Amino acid sequence: MSDREIMDAKNGIEIRKSYGFRDPVVKNVVDKFVKRSDVGFEKYNNTLDDERRLRMKNLQGYLNDVQEELMDAVLYIQAARDELQDLSEEALIDRFRSDDYNGAQL
């Protein structure tokens, strides 16, 4: 029995609704949401709904979390751009070496 099934049983959920997906991209995103929720539950031992209902965090706390996540996203975007730039430069160097090696004139 999975952790999710155990939690469902504890919370009285007998059958978790399953969805038919016509778009595998949507299914992959939903699967990632479920996995992320599982990781969060393992780490904090409560759900986001628990956090909200039990007033474990106020609106300022949620806004702070959103801001921090968006700042992280901008950093990831920049790192990905830097990686693309590095790959582009490496490809240009490889092409130059290949052309030079084959006696091609630039």
Protein backbone atom coordinates (compact mmCIF):
# COMPACT_ATOMS: atom_id res chain seq x y z
CA MET A 1 0.00 0.00 0.00
CA SER A 2 1.44 3.38 -1.00
CA ASP A 3 1.82 6.35 1.34
CA ARG A 4 -0.98 8.09 -0.54
CA GLU A 5 -3.29 5.10 -0.07
CA ILE A 6 -2.45 5.00 3.64
CA MET A 7 -3.23 8.73 3.96
CA ASP A 8 -6.46 8.27 2.00
CA ALA A 9 -7.50 5.51 4.39
CA LYS A 10 -6.69 7.68 7.42
CA ASN A 11 -8.72 10.52 5.93
CA GLY A 12 -11.64 8.28 4.99
CA ILE A 13 -11.11 8.52 1.25
CA GLU A 14 -12.06 5.18 -0.23
CA ILE A 15 -11.70 5.89 -3.91
CA ARG A 16 -9.52 8.59 -5.39
CA LYS A 17 -11.05 9.96 -8.56
CA SER A 18 -9.00 9.16 -11.63
CA TYR A 19 -9.13 11.16 -14.79
CA GLY A 20 -8.85 10.13 -18.39
CA PHE A 21 -6.39 12.44 -20.12
CA ARG A 22 -6.61 13.19 -23.81
CA ASP A 23 -3.37 15.14 -23.59
CA PRO A 24 -0.28 13.38 -22.24
CA VAL A 25 1.32 16.73 -21.44
CA VAL A 26 -1.52 17.53 -19.04
CA LYS A 27 -1.26 14.05 -17.51
CA ASN A 28 2.47 14.52 -16.94
CA VAL A 29 1.88 17.87 -15.22
CA VAL A 30 -0.87 16.43 -13.00
CA ASP A 31 1.38 13.50 -12.10
CA LYS A 32 4.10 15.96 -11.10
CA PHE A 33 1.62 17.90 -8.93
CA VAL A 34 0.66 14.69 -7.14
CA LYS A 35 4.30 13.72 -6.60
CA ARG A 36 5.12 17.23 -5.37
CA SER A 37 2.21 17.05 -2.95
CA ASP A 38 3.49 13.70 -1.68
CA VAL A 39 6.99 15.13 -1.13
CA GLY A 40 5.53 18.11 0.72
CA PHE A 41 3.44 15.87 2.92
CA GLU A 42 6.44 13.67 3.72
CA LYS A 43 8.51 16.74 4.59
CA TYR A 44 5.94 18.71 6.61
CA ASN A 45 3.47 15.98 7.65
CA ASN A 46 0.51 18.08 6.55
CA THR A 47 -1.15 19.23 3.36
CA LEU A 48 -1.46 22.73 1.97
CA ASP A 49 -5.14 22.53 2.87
CA ASP A 50 -4.23 21.63 6.46
CA GLU A 51 -1.90 24.63 6.52
CA ARG A 52 -4.70 26.90 5.34
CA ARG A 53 -7.53 25.50 7.48
CA LEU A 54 -5.44 25.36 10.62
CA ARG A 55 -4.16 28.89 10.01
CA MET A 56 -0.55 27.72 10.07
CA LYS A 57 0.32 30.55 7.70
CA ASN A 58 -1.33 33.90 7.04
CA LEU A 59 -1.83 35.73 3.75
CA GLN A 60 1.52 37.51 4.09
CA GLY A 61 3.19 34.12 4.49
CA TYR A 62 1.58 32.82 1.30
CA LEU A 63 2.57 35.96 -0.61
CA ASN A 64 6.12 35.64 0.67
CA ASP A 65 6.23 32.00 -0.50
CA VAL A 66 4.95 33.00 -3.96
CA GLN A 67 7.53 35.79 -4.22
CA GLU A 68 10.38 33.47 -3.23
CA GLU A 69 9.26 30.79 -5.71
CA LEU A 70 9.05 33.34 -8.53
CA MET A 71 12.49 34.69 -7.65
CA ASP A 72 13.81 31.11 -7.81
CA ALA A 73 12.09 30.68 -11.20
CA VAL A 74 13.88 33.76 -12.56
CA LEU A 75 17.20 32.33 -11.38
CA TYR A 76 16.45 29.00 -13.08
CA ILE A 77 15.57 30.85 -16.30
CA GLN A 78 18.88 32.70 -16.20
CA ALA A 79 20.83 29.51 -15.51
CA ALA A 80 19.08 27.81 -18.46
CA ARG A 81 19.90 30.78 -20.71
CA ASP A 82 23.53 30.63 -19.62
CA GLU A 83 23.55 26.91 -20.37
CA LEU A 84 22.12 27.51 -23.86
CA GLN A 85 24.76 30.16 -24.48
CA ASP A 86 27.51 27.76 -23.38
CA LEU A 87 26.13 25.02 -25.64
CA SER A 88 25.93 27.44 -28.57
CA GLU A 89 29.52 28.57 -28.02
CA GLU A 90 30.70 24.95 -27.70
CA ALA A 91 28.95 24.04 -30.97
CA LEU A 92 30.61 26.97 -32.73
CA ILE A 93 34.03 25.95 -31.38
CA ASP A 94 33.43 22.32 -32.41
CA ARG A 95 32.43 23.47 -35.91
CA PHE A 96 35.49 25.66 -36.18
CA ARG A 97 37.76 22.80 -35.09
CA SER A 98 36.06 20.42 -37.52
CA ASP A 99 36.35 22.90 -40.43
CA ASP A 100 39.96 23.68 -39.54
CA TYR A 101 40.81 20.00 -39.22
CA ASN A 102 39.27 19.24 -42.62
CA GLY A 103 41.29 21.99 -44.26
CA ALA A 104 38.30 24.25 -44.86
CA GLN A 105 39.02 27.92 -45.17
CA LEU A 106 37.08 30.41 -43.10
